[in-house]
Amino acid sequence: MIALIQRVTRASVTVDNVVTGETGPGLLVLLGVEKEDDEQKADRLCERVLGYRIFSDDEGKMNLNVLQAGGSILVVSQFTLAADTTRGMRPGFSRGARPERAQALYNYFVERCRAQGAETATGRFAADMQVSLVNDGPVTFWLQV
């Protein structure tokens, strides 16, 4: 399971000209689900995303996680993160989970974030989404479990 996390001042996702989710200061989480992923991996990735210390403390050092910083998160499904890009000029998608399994783990991840106290907005799974963001820093990290 993969999360590309970006520290943002704001982010939103739009489907069919309707905003389906947005966040103020916090994290945009692009979430990719691979074939071998399960609930245990989703739990671990949630723990890492919410605990990752990429927000500044009073001294300007990256010492706070999103919850400590008072931020929220926007989770957007991103199957292309699981692509195989090692050969050729076209990505392969054989490493990605089947859509029904990916959606179940995406929903599970979102619920785990909410259960941990994170204000969590979402995109719409498998929709054609337009994502807007202002990356703060820029700060972007790839987390994989």
Protein backbone atom coordinates (compact mmCIF):
# COMPACT_ATOMS: atom_id res chain seq x y z
CA MET A 1 0.00 0.00 0.00
CA ILE A 2 1.36 3.38 -1.01
CA ALA A 3 0.63 6.90 0.19
CA LEU A 4 2.06 9.92 -1.54
CA ILE A 5 1.55 12.61 1.08
CA GLN A 6 1.80 16.32 0.49
CA ARG A 7 1.73 18.98 3.17
CA VAL A 8 -0.79 21.51 1.91
CA THR A 9 -2.26 24.84 2.88
CA ARG A 10 -5.40 23.72 1.04
CA ALA A 11 -6.55 20.99 -1.31
CA SER A 12 -9.79 19.92 -2.95
CA VAL A 13 -11.13 17.29 -5.29
CA THR A 14 -13.90 17.86 -7.80
CA VAL A 15 -16.04 15.31 -9.65
CA ASP A 16 -18.45 16.47 -12.37
CA ASN A 17 -17.93 20.10 -11.31
CA VAL A 18 -18.91 19.32 -7.70
CA VAL A 19 -16.40 19.51 -4.85
CA THR A 20 -16.51 16.11 -3.14
CA GLY A 21 -13.82 16.79 -0.55
CA GLU A 22 -11.52 19.53 0.64
CA THR A 23 -9.09 20.35 3.39
CA GLY A 24 -7.48 23.44 4.79
CA PRO A 25 -4.00 23.14 6.26
CA GLY A 26 -3.06 19.48 6.49
CA LEU A 27 -2.30 16.60 4.17
CA LEU A 28 -3.32 15.52 0.71
CA VAL A 29 -2.97 11.73 0.65
CA LEU A 30 -2.87 10.03 -2.73
CA LEU A 31 -3.51 6.36 -1.93
CA GLY A 32 -2.51 3.40 -4.09
CA VAL A 33 -3.53 -0.18 -3.31
CA GLU A 34 -1.47 -3.14 -4.52
CA LYS A 35 -2.51 -6.79 -4.99
CA GLU A 36 -0.97 -8.11 -1.78
CA ASP A 37 -2.36 -5.35 0.45
CA ASP A 38 -4.64 -6.12 3.37
CA GLU A 39 -6.17 -4.50 6.45
CA GLN A 40 -2.96 -4.93 8.44
CA LYS A 41 -1.02 -2.93 5.85
CA ALA A 42 -3.77 -0.30 5.78
CA ASP A 43 -3.56 0.00 9.59
CA ARG A 44 0.22 0.43 9.43
CA LEU A 45 0.02 2.99 6.62
CA CYS A 46 -2.64 4.96 8.51
CA GLU A 47 -0.38 4.97 11.57
CA ARG A 48 2.53 6.24 9.47
CA VAL A 49 0.52 8.91 7.62
CA LEU A 50 -1.04 10.31 10.78
CA GLY A 51 2.18 10.04 12.77
CA TYR A 52 4.63 11.36 10.18
CA ARG A 53 6.24 14.49 11.59
CA ILE A 54 6.33 16.98 8.72
CA PHE A 55 4.76 20.05 10.31
CA SER A 56 6.80 22.78 11.98
CA ASP A 57 6.97 23.23 15.72
CA ASP A 58 7.51 26.60 17.43
CA GLU A 59 11.19 26.47 16.47
CA GLY A 60 10.49 25.85 12.79
CA LYS A 61 11.60 22.20 12.86
CA MET A 62 9.54 19.36 11.35
CA ASN A 63 8.52 17.83 14.68
CA LEU A 64 4.72 17.71 14.57
CA ASN A 65 2.35 15.28 12.88
CA VAL A 66 -0.87 16.37 11.20
CA LEU A 67 -2.98 15.83 14.33
CA GLN A 68 -0.56 17.73 16.57
CA ALA A 69 -0.54 20.57 14.04
CA GLY A 70 -4.36 20.72 14.05
CA GLY A 71 -4.57 19.79 10.38
CA SER A 72 -7.00 17.63 8.45
CA ILE A 73 -6.55 15.26 5.53
CA LEU A 74 -7.96 14.67 2.08
CA VAL A 75 -7.62 11.08 0.80
CA VAL A 76 -7.79 10.50 -2.95
CA SER A 77 -7.59 7.06 -4.58
CA GLN A 78 -4.67 6.91 -7.02
CA PHE A 79 -4.30 3.52 -8.72
CA THR A 80 -1.43 4.80 -10.88
CA LEU A 81 0.86 4.79 -7.82
CA ALA A 82 0.95 1.00 -8.09
CA ALA A 83 2.09 1.12 -11.72
CA ASP A 84 5.17 -0.73 -12.92
CA THR A 85 7.32 1.88 -14.68
CA THR A 86 10.56 -0.10 -14.86
CA ARG A 87 10.37 -0.92 -18.57
CA GLY A 88 9.21 0.59 -21.79
CA MET A 89 7.27 3.75 -22.44
CA ARG A 90 3.90 2.71 -21.06
CA PRO A 91 3.07 1.89 -17.43
CA GLY A 92 1.90 -1.57 -16.48
CA PHE A 93 -0.88 -1.99 -13.95
CA SER A 94 -0.56 -5.67 -13.02
CA ARG A 95 0.64 -4.81 -9.48
CA GLY A 96 -2.55 -2.95 -8.60
CA ALA A 97 -5.33 -4.55 -6.59
CA ARG A 98 -8.56 -5.47 -8.34
CA PRO A 99 -11.02 -2.56 -8.19
CA GLU A 100 -13.42 -4.12 -5.65
CA ARG A 101 -10.56 -5.02 -3.28
CA ALA A 102 -8.88 -1.64 -3.77
CA GLN A 103 -12.12 0.18 -2.97
CA ALA A 104 -12.67 -1.88 0.18
CA LEU A 105 -9.14 -1.11 1.42
CA TYR A 106 -9.46 2.55 0.44
CA ASN A 107 -12.67 2.80 2.48
CA TYR A 108 -11.05 0.91 5.35
CA PHE A 109 -8.07 3.29 5.34
CA VAL A 110 -10.37 6.34 5.41
CA GLU A 111 -12.37 4.90 8.33
CA ARG A 112 -9.16 4.10 10.25
CA CYS A 113 -8.02 7.71 9.82
CA ARG A 114 -11.36 8.97 11.12
CA ALA A 115 -11.25 6.52 14.04
CA GLN A 116 -7.87 7.96 15.01
CA GLY A 117 -9.40 11.43 15.26
CA ALA A 118 -8.34 12.85 11.91
CA GLU A 119 -10.84 15.07 10.15
CA THR A 120 -10.88 13.21 6.83
CA ALA A 121 -12.40 14.21 3.50
CA THR A 122 -12.31 12.08 0.36
CA GLY A 123 -12.52 12.02 -3.37
CA ARG A 124 -14.78 9.51 -5.12
CA PHE A 125 -13.25 6.11 -5.77
CA ALA A 126 -12.64 5.33 -9.48
CA ALA A 127 -14.12 8.64 -10.63
CA ASP A 128 -12.52 11.07 -13.04
CA MET A 129 -11.34 13.60 -10.44
CA GLN A 130 -9.71 16.99 -10.65
CA VAL A 131 -7.41 17.60 -7.69
CA SER A 132 -6.30 21.09 -6.76
CA LEU A 133 -3.73 21.83 -4.11
CA VAL A 134 -1.29 24.32 -2.75
CA ASN A 135 1.73 22.29 -1.63
CA ASP A 136 3.23 23.92 1.46
CA GLY A 137 7.01 23.94 1.28
CA PRO A 138 6.87 22.08 -1.08
CA VAL A 139 6.81 19.03 1.18
CA THR A 140 6.04 15.65 -0.42
CA PHE A 141 6.87 12.13 0.82
CA TRP A 142 6.30 8.61 -0.51
CA LEU A 143 5.27 6.14 2.22
CA GLN A 144 4.97 2.45 1.43
CA VAL A 145 4.20 -0.55 3.64
